[in-house]
Amino acid sequence: MNTVYYKEVTDGAIAACGALIRKGELVAFPTETVYGLGADACNTDAVMRIYEAKGRESDNPLIVHFASPEEIATYAEIPDRALFDTLSRAFMPGPLTLVLPRKGALSPRVSAGLSTVAVRVPSHPVARALIAAARTPIAAPSANRSHRPSPTSSAHVLEDLDGRIAAVLEGGTCRHGVESTVLSLCGELRLLRPGAVTREMIEAATGRDVIVDEGVLSHVADKKQVASPGMKYRHYAPNAPMTALFGTDERVRAAFCEAQRTGAAILCYDEDLPYLSGDTPVLSLGAKNDFDAQAERLFSALRELDRLGVTRIYARLPGEEGLGMAVKNRLIRAAEFDLIEV
């Protein structure tokens, strides 16, 4: 398949990609989180092409993207209308996904056999224009091969999916750099995947406690069925095996230096750089407490380490406050739960 790359996003490009979606083809497009791989969410054949193009497990659900919060009620039940309205006013359009009971004409494959569906309204103007042009909800996981670091640029998409999908729409570098927050409204408020809309932000907006699911910072058995992407299987991983470290600054830096002596590459903070003098590649995600920068740079850094051909990586885990929880979640999964306290 010849993948068409729309470097200039014109009205004509949007219209052409909307027509491709309606025909059952796959189009990669930018969002404020990562690039998504879109298909008509009501067309089962098209949805199955997403799984095929990505090499994605069939029990891993997809997120369905809508043009407005009002459209969601056509395809999902709203168990608590007041709560839904509060969240949509505060965070939609934006990087928040809600898990709700499914109804209507959506393909059952978007839910991977579950009775729920994950829905969101993206804020990126190209994403919103594409949904409008397609005239249908768009199912879209991240536009990468499964288990690889998520794509935050069109170059990342083409690296993984060129020749496997119909088109790619340019949209610059994604602002947040990690996938959307996933919050279940089926019963208690439960955070299934952390993202740019943090637990603290949700609790402040709703006045309710948010339970963090056990799968956010720990392993979920592969046999368990989950309502959110990113909760099971290998995710976000570079080619080289990676170990994630946590502990005091002094001990982590000492462990980094020892790892360099064995030839490992290092993924660290700005504050660590003066203490590292080995010859192996060293990349910083930003300042220790700048979680926004860490989130924005994480997947690009992992792909850069792939490009450099490193054979071993040691990385540092952040704290869990705010967006740090999302960065920590992605690093834990990229390291395949190879965690060491030093």
C-alpha atoms as a PDB file:
ATOM      1  CA  MET A   1       0.000   0.000   0.000  1.00  0.00           C
ATOM      2  CA  ASN A   2       1.217   3.501  -0.838  1.00  0.00           C
ATOM      3  CA  THR A   3       0.843   5.721   2.227  1.00  0.00           C
ATOM      4  CA  VAL A   4       0.048   9.312   1.287  1.00  0.00           C
ATOM      5  CA  TYR A   5       1.770  11.873   3.534  1.00  0.00           C
ATOM      6  CA  TYR A   6      -0.063  15.206   3.728  1.00  0.00           C
ATOM      7  CA  LYS A   7       2.712  17.551   4.832  1.00  0.00           C
ATOM      8  CA  GLU A   8       0.458  20.551   4.227  1.00  0.00           C
ATOM      9  CA  VAL A   9      -2.913  20.152   5.951  1.00  0.00           C
ATOM     10  CA  THR A  10      -5.281  21.961   3.611  1.00  0.00           C
ATOM     11  CA  ASP A  11      -9.057  21.775   3.377  1.00  0.00           C
ATOM     12  CA  GLY A  12      -8.535  19.419   0.441  1.00  0.00           C
ATOM     13  CA  ALA A  13      -6.278  17.132   2.484  1.00  0.00           C
ATOM     14  CA  ILE A  14      -8.815  16.991   5.308  1.00  0.00           C
ATOM     15  CA  ALA A  15     -11.640  16.249   2.860  1.00  0.00           C
ATOM     16  CA  ALA A  16      -9.605  13.496   1.173  1.00  0.00           C
ATOM     17  CA  CYS A  17      -8.769  11.863   4.499  1.00  0.00           C
ATOM     18  CA  GLY A  18     -12.376  12.124   5.658  1.00  0.00           C
ATOM     19  CA  ALA A  19     -13.395  10.296   2.480  1.00  0.00           C
ATOM     20  CA  LEU A  20     -10.775   7.609   3.167  1.00  0.00           C
ATOM     21  CA  ILE A  21     -12.223   7.054   6.646  1.00  0.00           C
ATOM     22  CA  ARG A  22     -15.728   6.683   5.180  1.00  0.00           C
ATOM     23  CA  LYS A  23     -14.364   4.122   2.686  1.00  0.00           C
ATOM     24  CA  GLY A  24     -12.976   2.001   5.520  1.00  0.00           C
ATOM     25  CA  GLU A  25      -9.332   3.027   5.174  1.00  0.00           C
ATOM     26  CA  LEU A  26      -6.873   3.963   7.952  1.00  0.00           C
ATOM     27  CA  VAL A  27      -5.616   7.524   8.454  1.00  0.00           C
ATOM     28  CA  ALA A  28      -3.030   8.643  11.022  1.00  0.00           C
ATOM     29  CA  PHE A  29      -3.679  12.084  12.474  1.00  0.00           C
ATOM     30  CA  PRO A  30      -2.322  14.334  15.221  1.00  0.00           C
ATOM     31  CA  THR A  31      -3.965  14.855  18.585  1.00  0.00           C
ATOM     32  CA  GLU A  32      -2.834  16.891  21.568  1.00  0.00           C
ATOM     33  CA  THR A  33      -1.555  13.656  23.185  1.00  0.00           C
ATOM     34  CA  VAL A  34       0.011  11.369  20.531  1.00  0.00           C
ATOM     35  CA  TYR A  35      -0.734  10.628  16.879  1.00  0.00           C
ATOM     36  CA  GLY A  36      -3.779   8.389  16.434  1.00  0.00           C
ATOM     37  CA  LEU A  37      -4.504   5.697  13.851  1.00  0.00           C
ATOM     38  CA  GLY A  38      -8.091   6.352  12.814  1.00  0.00           C
ATOM     39  CA  ALA A  39     -10.867   4.261  11.291  1.00  0.00           C
ATOM     40  CA  ASP A  40     -14.657   4.497  11.101  1.00  0.00           C
ATOM     41  CA  ALA A  41     -15.735   3.328  14.565  1.00  0.00           C
ATOM     42  CA  CYS A  42     -19.023   1.965  13.158  1.00  0.00           C
ATOM     43  CA  ASN A  43     -17.333  -0.187  10.493  1.00  0.00           C
ATOM     44  CA  THR A  44     -16.115  -3.500  11.910  1.00  0.00           C
ATOM     45  CA  ASP A  45     -13.934  -4.322   8.895  1.00  0.00           C
ATOM     46  CA  ALA A  46     -12.219  -0.935   9.193  1.00  0.00           C
ATOM     47  CA  VAL A  47     -11.729  -1.343  12.939  1.00  0.00           C
ATOM     48  CA  MET A  48     -10.161  -4.763  12.400  1.00  0.00           C
ATOM     49  CA  ARG A  49      -7.687  -3.158   9.978  1.00  0.00           C
ATOM     50  CA  ILE A  50      -6.382  -1.105  12.916  1.00  0.00           C
ATOM     51  CA  TYR A  51      -5.557  -4.291  14.807  1.00  0.00           C
ATOM     52  CA  GLU A  52      -3.911  -5.773  11.717  1.00  0.00           C
ATOM     53  CA  ALA A  53      -1.827  -2.704  10.866  1.00  0.00           C
ATOM     54  CA  LYS A  54      -0.562  -2.327  14.422  1.00  0.00           C
ATOM     55  CA  GLY A  55      -0.185  -6.015  15.227  1.00  0.00           C
ATOM     56  CA  ARG A  56      -2.431  -5.303  18.224  1.00  0.00           C
ATOM     57  CA  GLU A  57      -3.934  -7.956  20.490  1.00  0.00           C
ATOM     58  CA  SER A  58      -7.652  -8.439  19.783  1.00  0.00           C
ATOM     59  CA  ASP A  59      -8.661  -8.028  23.443  1.00  0.00           C
ATOM     60  CA  ASN A  60      -7.049  -4.580  23.750  1.00  0.00           C
ATOM     61  CA  PRO A  61      -9.887  -1.995  23.461  1.00  0.00           C
ATOM     62  CA  LEU A  62      -9.760   1.183  21.363  1.00  0.00           C
ATOM     63  CA  ILE A  63     -10.708   4.780  22.140  1.00  0.00           C
ATOM     64  CA  VAL A  64     -13.444   6.376  20.041  1.00  0.00           C
ATOM     65  CA  HIS A  65     -13.013  10.062  19.179  1.00  0.00           C
ATOM     66  CA  PHE A  66     -15.969  12.437  18.806  1.00  0.00           C
ATOM     67  CA  ALA A  67     -16.406  15.982  17.568  1.00  0.00           C
ATOM     68  CA  SER A  68     -18.264  17.120  20.712  1.00  0.00           C
ATOM     69  CA  PRO A  69     -19.364  15.814  24.123  1.00  0.00           C
ATOM     70  CA  GLU A  70     -22.991  16.008  22.984  1.00  0.00           C
ATOM     71  CA  GLU A  71     -22.423  13.305  20.345  1.00  0.00           C
ATOM     72  CA  ILE A  72     -21.201  10.788  22.918  1.00  0.00           C
ATOM     73  CA  ALA A  73     -24.698  10.134  24.315  1.00  0.00           C
ATOM     74  CA  THR A  74     -25.734   8.632  20.957  1.00  0.00           C
ATOM     75  CA  TYR A  75     -23.163   5.867  21.333  1.00  0.00           C
ATOM     76  CA  ALA A  76     -22.763   5.438  25.108  1.00  0.00           C
ATOM     77  CA  GLU A  77     -24.939   5.422  28.198  1.00  0.00           C
ATOM     78  CA  ILE A  78     -24.335   8.253  30.653  1.00  0.00           C
ATOM     79  CA  PRO A  79     -24.765   6.750  34.158  1.00  0.00           C
ATOM     80  CA  ASP A  80     -24.376  10.092  35.974  1.00  0.00           C
ATOM     81  CA  ARG A  81     -25.332  13.031  33.779  1.00  0.00           C
ATOM     82  CA  ALA A  82     -24.291  15.705  36.270  1.00  0.00           C
ATOM     83  CA  LEU A  83     -20.850  14.137  36.670  1.00  0.00           C
ATOM     84  CA  PHE A  84     -20.435  13.728  32.907  1.00  0.00           C
ATOM     85  CA  ASP A  85     -21.387  17.379  32.351  1.00  0.00           C
ATOM     86  CA  THR A  86     -18.925  18.525  35.014  1.00  0.00           C
ATOM     87  CA  LEU A  87     -16.088  16.561  33.445  1.00  0.00           C
ATOM     88  CA  SER A  88     -16.941  17.593  29.900  1.00  0.00           C
ATOM     89  CA  ARG A  89     -17.092  21.278  30.857  1.00  0.00           C
ATOM     90  CA  ALA A  90     -13.749  21.055  32.618  1.00  0.00           C
ATOM     91  CA  PHE A  91     -11.768  18.817  30.261  1.00  0.00           C
ATOM     92  CA  MET A  92     -13.456  18.480  26.854  1.00  0.00           C
ATOM     93  CA  PRO A  93     -12.158  19.009  24.277  1.00  0.00           C
ATOM     94  CA  GLY A  94      -8.929  17.731  25.780  1.00  0.00           C
ATOM     95  CA  PRO A  95      -6.861  14.730  26.877  1.00  0.00           C
ATOM     96  CA  LEU A  96      -9.535  12.960  28.944  1.00  0.00           C
ATOM     97  CA  THR A  97     -11.092   9.619  27.956  1.00  0.00           C
ATOM     98  CA  LEU A  98     -14.192   8.333  29.744  1.00  0.00           C
ATOM     99  CA  VAL A  99     -15.203   4.676  29.964  1.00  0.00           C
ATOM    100  CA  LEU A 100     -18.998   4.311  29.704  1.00  0.00           C
ATOM    101  CA  PRO A 101     -21.525   1.547  28.905  1.00  0.00           C
ATOM    102  CA  ARG A 102     -21.666   1.084  25.117  1.00  0.00           C
ATOM    103  CA  LYS A 103     -24.795   1.427  22.989  1.00  0.00           C
ATOM    104  CA  GLY A 104     -25.812   2.355  19.460  1.00  0.00           C
ATOM    105  CA  ALA A 105     -24.082   1.700  16.160  1.00  0.00           C
ATOM    106  CA  LEU A 106     -20.444   1.425  17.213  1.00  0.00           C
ATOM    107  CA  SER A 107     -18.654  -1.707  16.092  1.00  0.00           C
ATOM    108  CA  PRO A 108     -18.344  -4.129  19.015  1.00  0.00           C
ATOM    109  CA  ARG A 109     -14.675  -4.541  18.073  1.00  0.00           C
ATOM    110  CA  VAL A 110     -13.842  -1.083  19.461  1.00  0.00           C
ATOM    111  CA  SER A 111     -14.712  -2.507  22.886  1.00  0.00           C
ATOM    112  CA  ALA A 112     -12.734  -5.760  22.433  1.00  0.00           C
ATOM    113  CA  GLY A 113     -15.616  -7.848  23.735  1.00  0.00           C
ATOM    114  CA  LEU A 114     -16.527  -5.574  26.646  1.00  0.00           C
ATOM    115  CA  SER A 115     -19.894  -3.924  27.300  1.00  0.00           C
ATOM    116  CA  THR A 116     -18.144  -0.572  27.788  1.00  0.00           C
ATOM    117  CA  VAL A 117     -16.567   1.906  25.382  1.00  0.00           C
ATOM    118  CA  ALA A 118     -13.776   4.453  25.880  1.00  0.00           C
ATOM    119  CA  VAL A 119     -14.670   7.876  24.428  1.00  0.00           C
ATOM    120  CA  ARG A 120     -13.044  11.276  24.149  1.00  0.00           C
ATOM    121  CA  VAL A 121     -13.157  14.628  22.349  1.00  0.00           C
ATOM    122  CA  PRO A 122      -9.680  15.676  21.148  1.00  0.00           C
ATOM    123  CA  SER A 123      -8.681  19.332  21.138  1.00  0.00           C
ATOM    124  CA  HIS A 124      -6.169  19.302  18.257  1.00  0.00           C
ATOM    125  CA  PRO A 125      -7.678  21.289  15.353  1.00  0.00           C
ATOM    126  CA  VAL A 126      -6.586  18.740  12.737  1.00  0.00           C
ATOM    127  CA  ALA A 127      -8.198  15.887  14.677  1.00  0.00           C
ATOM    128  CA  ARG A 128     -11.428  17.834  15.069  1.00  0.00           C
ATOM    129  CA  ALA A 129     -11.480  18.773  11.378  1.00  0.00           C
ATOM    130  CA  LEU A 130     -10.944  15.140  10.367  1.00  0.00           C
ATOM    131  CA  ILE A 131     -13.807  13.884  12.557  1.00  0.00           C
ATOM    132  CA  ALA A 132     -16.090  16.512  11.035  1.00  0.00           C
ATOM    133  CA  ALA A 133     -15.026  15.578   7.499  1.00  0.00           C
ATOM    134  CA  ALA A 134     -15.458  11.848   8.156  1.00  0.00           C
ATOM    135  CA  ARG A 135     -18.962  12.412   9.541  1.00  0.00           C
ATOM    136  CA  THR A 136     -18.550   9.436  11.864  1.00  0.00           C
ATOM    137  CA  PRO A 137     -16.901   8.732  15.203  1.00  0.00           C
ATOM    138  CA  ILE A 138     -13.271   7.692  14.703  1.00  0.00           C
ATOM    139  CA  ALA A 139     -11.715   4.780  16.578  1.00  0.00           C
ATOM    140  CA  ALA A 140      -8.050   5.550  17.109  1.00  0.00           C
ATOM    141  CA  PRO A 141      -5.299   3.993  19.216  1.00  0.00           C
ATOM    142  CA  SER A 142      -1.778   5.391  18.948  1.00  0.00           C
ATOM    143  CA  ALA A 143      -0.396   5.283  15.397  1.00  0.00           C
ATOM    144  CA  ASN A 144       2.534   2.946  15.994  1.00  0.00           C
ATOM    145  CA  ARG A 145       3.304  -0.741  15.853  1.00  0.00           C
ATOM    146  CA  SER A 146       2.094  -2.384  19.050  1.00  0.00           C
ATOM    147  CA  HIS A 147       4.485  -2.381  22.008  1.00  0.00           C
ATOM    148  CA  ARG A 148       6.655   0.352  20.434  1.00  0.00           C
ATOM    149  CA  PRO A 149       7.018   3.855  21.939  1.00  0.00           C
ATOM    150  CA  SER A 150       4.002   5.941  20.999  1.00  0.00           C
ATOM    151  CA  PRO A 151       4.371   8.467  18.142  1.00  0.00           C
ATOM    152  CA  THR A 152       4.566  12.163  18.962  1.00  0.00           C
ATOM    153  CA  SER A 153       5.462  13.244  15.409  1.00  0.00           C
ATOM    154  CA  SER A 154       4.496  12.259  11.875  1.00  0.00           C
ATOM    155  CA  ALA A 155       8.039  10.928  11.401  1.00  0.00           C
ATOM    156  CA  HIS A 156       7.419   8.386  14.172  1.00  0.00           C
ATOM    157  CA  VAL A 157       4.203   7.287  12.441  1.00  0.00           C
ATOM    158  CA  LEU A 158       5.918   6.786   9.097  1.00  0.00           C
ATOM    159  CA  GLU A 159       8.768   4.931  10.793  1.00  0.00           C
ATOM    160  CA  ASP A 160       6.312   2.297  12.038  1.00  0.00           C
ATOM    161  CA  LEU A 161       3.404   2.286   9.576  1.00  0.00           C
ATOM    162  CA  ASP A 162       4.551   3.550   6.171  1.00  0.00           C
ATOM    163  CA  GLY A 163       3.030   1.228   3.581  1.00  0.00           C
ATOM    164  CA  ARG A 164       0.547  -0.247   6.052  1.00  0.00           C
ATOM    165  CA  ILE A 165      -2.021   2.598   6.123  1.00  0.00           C
ATOM    166  CA  ALA A 166      -3.673   4.907   3.597  1.00  0.00           C
ATOM    167  CA  ALA A 167      -2.565   8.335   4.775  1.00  0.00           C
ATOM    168  CA  VAL A 168      -0.834  10.475   7.405  1.00  0.00           C
ATOM    169  CA  LEU A 169      -1.871  14.028   8.277  1.00  0.00           C
ATOM    170  CA  GLU A 170       0.877  16.338   9.546  1.00  0.00           C
ATOM    171  CA  GLY A 171       0.212  18.195  12.777  1.00  0.00           C
ATOM    172  CA  GLY A 172       3.545  19.033  14.334  1.00  0.00           C
ATOM    173  CA  THR A 173       4.857  17.639  17.608  1.00  0.00           C
ATOM    174  CA  CYS A 174       2.170  16.590  20.074  1.00  0.00           C
ATOM    175  CA  ARG A 175       1.833  18.984  23.005  1.00  0.00           C
ATOM    176  CA  HIS A 176       1.348  16.561  25.901  1.00  0.00           C
ATOM    177  CA  GLY A 177       3.427  13.648  24.629  1.00  0.00           C
ATOM    178  CA  VAL A 178       1.614  10.861  26.519  1.00  0.00           C
ATOM    179  CA  GLU A 179      -1.749   9.284  25.818  1.00  0.00           C
ATOM    180  CA  SER A 180      -4.981  10.610  27.304  1.00  0.00           C
ATOM    181  CA  THR A 181      -6.094  10.019  30.865  1.00  0.00           C
ATOM    182  CA  VAL A 182      -8.639   7.174  31.036  1.00  0.00           C
ATOM    183  CA  LEU A 183     -11.318   7.465  33.731  1.00  0.00           C
ATOM    184  CA  SER A 184     -14.110   4.950  34.296  1.00  0.00           C
ATOM    185  CA  LEU A 185     -17.563   6.307  35.175  1.00  0.00           C
ATOM    186  CA  CYS A 186     -19.002   2.801  35.583  1.00  0.00           C
ATOM    187  CA  GLY A 187     -19.553   2.854  39.332  1.00  0.00           C
ATOM    188  CA  GLU A 188     -16.850   4.538  41.403  1.00  0.00           C
ATOM    189  CA  LEU A 189     -14.528   7.051  39.741  1.00  0.00           C
ATOM    190  CA  ARG A 190     -11.545   4.905  38.779  1.00  0.00           C
ATOM    191  CA  LEU A 191      -8.374   6.082  37.059  1.00  0.00           C
ATOM    192  CA  LEU A 192      -7.411   3.377  34.561  1.00  0.00           C
ATOM    193  CA  ARG A 193      -4.563   5.219  32.825  1.00  0.00           C
ATOM    194  CA  PRO A 194      -2.909   8.467  33.971  1.00  0.00           C
ATOM    195  CA  GLY A 195      -2.336  11.325  31.557  1.00  0.00           C
ATOM    196  CA  ALA A 196      -2.295  15.112  31.270  1.00  0.00           C
ATOM    197  CA  VAL A 197      -5.629  15.414  33.102  1.00  0.00           C
ATOM    198  CA  THR A 198      -4.312  14.377  36.490  1.00  0.00           C
ATOM    199  CA  ARG A 199      -6.013  12.690  39.406  1.00  0.00           C
ATOM    200  CA  GLU A 200      -5.693  15.928  41.357  1.00  0.00           C
ATOM    201  CA  MET A 201      -7.381  17.923  38.582  1.00  0.00           C
ATOM    202  CA  ILE A 202     -10.304  15.477  38.393  1.00  0.00           C
ATOM    203  CA  GLU A 203     -10.840  15.505  42.154  1.00  0.00           C
ATOM    204  CA  ALA A 204     -10.730  19.319  42.217  1.00  0.00           C
ATOM    205  CA  ALA A 205     -13.280  19.576  39.389  1.00  0.00           C
ATOM    206  CA  THR A 206     -15.718  16.970  40.722  1.00  0.00           C
ATOM    207  CA  GLY A 207     -15.272  17.152  44.481  1.00  0.00           C
ATOM    208  CA  ARG A 208     -15.023  13.340  44.473  1.00  0.00           C
ATOM    209  CA  ASP A 209     -12.270  10.905  45.332  1.00  0.00           C
ATOM    210  CA  VAL A 210     -10.641   9.106  42.408  1.00  0.00           C
ATOM    211  CA  ILE A 211      -9.472   5.521  42.931  1.00  0.00           C
ATOM    212  CA  VAL A 212      -6.248   4.646  41.125  1.00  0.00           C
ATOM    213  CA  ASP A 213      -6.632   1.212  39.535  1.00  0.00           C
ATOM    214  CA  GLU A 214      -4.150  -1.455  40.592  1.00  0.00           C
ATOM    215  CA  GLY A 215      -2.988  -1.759  36.994  1.00  0.00           C
ATOM    216  CA  VAL A 216      -1.680   1.822  36.783  1.00  0.00           C
ATOM    217  CA  LEU A 217       1.639   1.194  38.524  1.00  0.00           C
ATOM    218  CA  SER A 218       1.737  -2.598  38.691  1.00  0.00           C
ATOM    219  CA  HIS A 219       1.427  -5.582  36.375  1.00  0.00           C
ATOM    220  CA  VAL A 220      -2.008  -6.764  35.201  1.00  0.00           C
ATOM    221  CA  ALA A 221      -2.138 -10.442  34.253  1.00  0.00           C
ATOM    222  CA  ASP A 222      -2.546 -10.996  30.509  1.00  0.00           C
ATOM    223  CA  LYS A 223      -5.597 -13.191  31.084  1.00  0.00           C
ATOM    224  CA  LYS A 224      -7.473 -10.355  32.784  1.00  0.00           C
ATOM    225  CA  GLN A 225      -9.815  -8.354  30.569  1.00  0.00           C
ATOM    226  CA  VAL A 226      -9.325  -4.603  30.946  1.00  0.00           C
ATOM    227  CA  ALA A 227     -11.437  -1.590  29.977  1.00  0.00           C
ATOM    228  CA  SER A 228      -8.562   0.691  28.983  1.00  0.00           C
ATOM    229  CA  PRO A 229      -5.689   0.463  26.515  1.00  0.00           C
ATOM    230  CA  GLY A 230      -2.205   0.333  28.015  1.00  0.00           C
ATOM    231  CA  MET A 231      -3.064  -1.781  31.066  1.00  0.00           C
ATOM    232  CA  LYS A 232      -1.694  -5.132  29.959  1.00  0.00           C
ATOM    233  CA  TYR A 233       0.891  -6.581  27.584  1.00  0.00           C
ATOM    234  CA  ARG A 234       4.213  -4.965  26.751  1.00  0.00           C
ATOM    235  CA  HIS A 235       3.825  -1.259  26.000  1.00  0.00           C
ATOM    236  CA  TYR A 236       5.879   1.780  24.955  1.00  0.00           C
ATOM    237  CA  ALA A 237       9.081  -0.274  24.876  1.00  0.00           C
ATOM    238  CA  PRO A 238      12.343   0.561  23.075  1.00  0.00           C
ATOM    239  CA  ASN A 239      14.240  -2.173  21.269  1.00  0.00           C
ATOM    240  CA  ALA A 240      16.847  -2.529  24.018  1.00  0.00           C
ATOM    241  CA  PRO A 241      15.924  -3.969  27.422  1.00  0.00           C
ATOM    242  CA  MET A 242      15.430  -1.216  29.985  1.00  0.00           C
ATOM    243  CA  THR A 243      15.720  -1.137  33.781  1.00  0.00           C
ATOM    244  CA  ALA A 244      13.933   1.571  35.778  1.00  0.00           C
ATOM    245  CA  LEU A 245      15.622   2.814  38.954  1.00  0.00           C
ATOM    246  CA  PHE A 246      14.241   4.578  41.995  1.00  0.00           C
ATOM    247  CA  GLY A 247      15.901   5.772  45.178  1.00  0.00           C
ATOM    248  CA  THR A 248      17.881   8.735  46.464  1.00  0.00           C
ATOM    249  CA  ASP A 249      19.682  11.041  44.019  1.00  0.00           C
ATOM    250  CA  GLU A 250      23.066   9.846  45.248  1.00  0.00           C
ATOM    251  CA  ARG A 251      22.279   6.152  44.855  1.00  0.00           C
ATOM    252  CA  VAL A 252      20.584   6.500  41.475  1.00  0.00           C
ATOM    253  CA  ARG A 253      23.537   8.478  40.115  1.00  0.00           C
ATOM    254  CA  ALA A 254      25.966   5.866  41.442  1.00  0.00           C
ATOM    255  CA  ALA A 255      23.904   3.143  39.769  1.00  0.00           C
ATOM    256  CA  PHE A 256      23.906   5.119  36.513  1.00  0.00           C
ATOM    257  CA  CYS A 257      27.709   5.393  36.602  1.00  0.00           C
ATOM    258  CA  GLU A 258      28.057   1.662  37.226  1.00  0.00           C
ATOM    259  CA  ALA A 259      25.614   0.953  34.362  1.00  0.00           C
ATOM    260  CA  GLN A 260      27.705   3.137  32.048  1.00  0.00           C
ATOM    261  CA  ARG A 261      30.753   1.020  32.850  1.00  0.00           C
ATOM    262  CA  THR A 262      28.829  -1.980  31.503  1.00  0.00           C
ATOM    263  CA  GLY A 263      27.973  -0.105  28.288  1.00  0.00           C
ATOM    264  CA  ALA A 264      24.404   0.911  29.103  1.00  0.00           C
ATOM    265  CA  ALA A 265      22.719   4.080  27.864  1.00  0.00           C
ATOM    266  CA  ILE A 266      21.144   6.413  30.436  1.00  0.00           C
ATOM    267  CA  LEU A 267      17.780   8.202  30.545  1.00  0.00           C
ATOM    268  CA  CYS A 268      17.933  10.765  33.328  1.00  0.00           C
ATOM    269  CA  TYR A 269      17.121  14.316  34.521  1.00  0.00           C
ATOM    270  CA  ASP A 270      18.995  17.555  33.869  1.00  0.00           C
ATOM    271  CA  GLU A 271      20.239  17.516  37.455  1.00  0.00           C
ATOM    272  CA  ASP A 272      21.946  14.142  36.888  1.00  0.00           C
ATOM    273  CA  LEU A 273      24.007  15.228  33.872  1.00  0.00           C
ATOM    274  CA  PRO A 274      26.996  16.741  35.760  1.00  0.00           C
ATOM    275  CA  TYR A 275      27.506  13.420  37.572  1.00  0.00           C
ATOM    276  CA  LEU A 276      27.649  11.252  34.440  1.00  0.00           C
ATOM    277  CA  SER A 277      30.917  11.145  32.534  1.00  0.00           C
ATOM    278  CA  GLY A 278      30.905   7.818  30.711  1.00  0.00           C
ATOM    279  CA  ASP A 279      31.066   7.374  26.947  1.00  0.00           C
ATOM    280  CA  THR A 280      27.645   5.768  26.528  1.00  0.00           C
ATOM    281  CA  PRO A 281      24.627   7.774  25.277  1.00  0.00           C
ATOM    282  CA  VAL A 282      22.973   9.926  27.957  1.00  0.00           C
ATOM    283  CA  LEU A 283      19.608  11.592  27.317  1.00  0.00           C
ATOM    284  CA  SER A 284      17.757  13.869  29.710  1.00  0.00           C
ATOM    285  CA  LEU A 285      13.976  14.128  29.901  1.00  0.00           C
ATOM    286  CA  GLY A 286      14.223  17.562  31.531  1.00  0.00           C
ATOM    287  CA  ALA A 287      14.353  18.857  35.078  1.00  0.00           C
ATOM    288  CA  LYS A 288      13.531  16.464  37.904  1.00  0.00           C
ATOM    289  CA  ASN A 289      10.251  18.164  38.793  1.00  0.00           C
ATOM    290  CA  ASP A 290       9.258  19.287  35.280  1.00  0.00           C
ATOM    291  CA  PHE A 291       6.787  16.510  34.540  1.00  0.00           C
ATOM    292  CA  ASP A 292       5.373  18.367  31.513  1.00  0.00           C
ATOM    293  CA  ALA A 293       8.775  18.313  29.818  1.00  0.00           C
ATOM    294  CA  GLN A 294       9.351  14.692  30.793  1.00  0.00           C
ATOM    295  CA  ALA A 295       6.018  13.637  29.276  1.00  0.00           C
ATOM    296  CA  GLU A 296       6.630  15.599  26.095  1.00  0.00           C
ATOM    297  CA  ARG A 297      10.113  14.143  25.574  1.00  0.00           C
ATOM    298  CA  LEU A 298       9.707  10.554  26.786  1.00  0.00           C
ATOM    299  CA  PHE A 299       8.677   8.697  23.634  1.00  0.00           C
ATOM    300  CA  SER A 300      10.984  10.728  21.395  1.00  0.00           C
ATOM    301  CA  ALA A 301      13.879   9.893  23.716  1.00  0.00           C
ATOM    302  CA  LEU A 302      13.099   6.171  23.608  1.00  0.00           C
ATOM    303  CA  ARG A 303      12.977   6.275  19.815  1.00  0.00           C
ATOM    304  CA  GLU A 304      16.260   8.216  19.725  1.00  0.00           C
ATOM    305  CA  LEU A 305      17.900   5.474  21.803  1.00  0.00           C
ATOM    306  CA  ASP A 306      16.594   2.969  19.250  1.00  0.00           C
ATOM    307  CA  ARG A 307      18.137   5.045  16.473  1.00  0.00           C
ATOM    308  CA  LEU A 308      21.464   5.048  18.298  1.00  0.00           C
ATOM    309  CA  GLY A 309      21.346   1.258  18.465  1.00  0.00           C
ATOM    310  CA  VAL A 310      21.966   0.971  22.202  1.00  0.00           C
ATOM    311  CA  THR A 311      21.810  -2.510  23.694  1.00  0.00           C
ATOM    312  CA  ARG A 312      20.878  -1.660  27.310  1.00  0.00           C
ATOM    313  CA  ILE A 313      19.087   1.270  28.956  1.00  0.00           C
ATOM    314  CA  TYR A 314      18.837   2.457  32.544  1.00  0.00           C
ATOM    315  CA  ALA A 315      16.164   5.053  33.316  1.00  0.00           C
ATOM    316  CA  ARG A 316      15.000   6.945  36.373  1.00  0.00           C
ATOM    317  CA  LEU A 317      11.438   6.872  37.696  1.00  0.00           C
ATOM    318  CA  PRO A 318       9.760  10.154  38.698  1.00  0.00           C
ATOM    319  CA  GLY A 319       7.392  10.726  41.588  1.00  0.00           C
ATOM    320  CA  GLU A 320       3.658  10.072  41.347  1.00  0.00           C
ATOM    321  CA  GLU A 321       2.270  13.549  41.900  1.00  0.00           C
ATOM    322  CA  GLY A 322       0.464  15.262  39.024  1.00  0.00           C
ATOM    323  CA  LEU A 323       1.663  14.314  35.555  1.00  0.00           C
ATOM    324  CA  GLY A 324       4.545  12.417  37.157  1.00  0.00           C
ATOM    325  CA  MET A 325       2.183   9.462  37.593  1.00  0.00           C
ATOM    326  CA  ALA A 326       1.686   9.266  33.822  1.00  0.00           C
ATOM    327  CA  VAL A 327       5.433   9.413  33.126  1.00  0.00           C
ATOM    328  CA  LYS A 328       6.077   6.765  35.785  1.00  0.00           C
ATOM    329  CA  ASN A 329       3.324   4.545  34.343  1.00  0.00           C
ATOM    330  CA  ARG A 330       4.848   4.675  30.837  1.00  0.00           C
ATOM    331  CA  LEU A 331       8.393   4.065  32.071  1.00  0.00           C
ATOM    332  CA  ILE A 332       7.341   1.078  34.186  1.00  0.00           C
ATOM    333  CA  ARG A 333       5.702  -0.519  31.171  1.00  0.00           C
ATOM    334  CA  ALA A 334       8.554   0.386  28.825  1.00  0.00           C
ATOM    335  CA  ALA A 335      10.876  -1.374  31.277  1.00  0.00           C
ATOM    336  CA  GLU A 336       8.501  -4.369  31.355  1.00  0.00           C
ATOM    337  CA  PHE A 337       8.373  -4.098  35.159  1.00  0.00           C
ATOM    338  CA  ASP A 338      12.146  -4.481  35.515  1.00  0.00           C
ATOM    339  CA  LEU A 339      12.350  -2.129  38.525  1.00  0.00           C
ATOM    340  CA  ILE A 340      15.234  -1.758  41.002  1.00  0.00           C
ATOM    341  CA  GLU A 341      15.343   0.271  44.201  1.00  0.00           C
ATOM    342  CA  VAL A 342      18.879   1.500  44.859  1.00  0.00           C
END
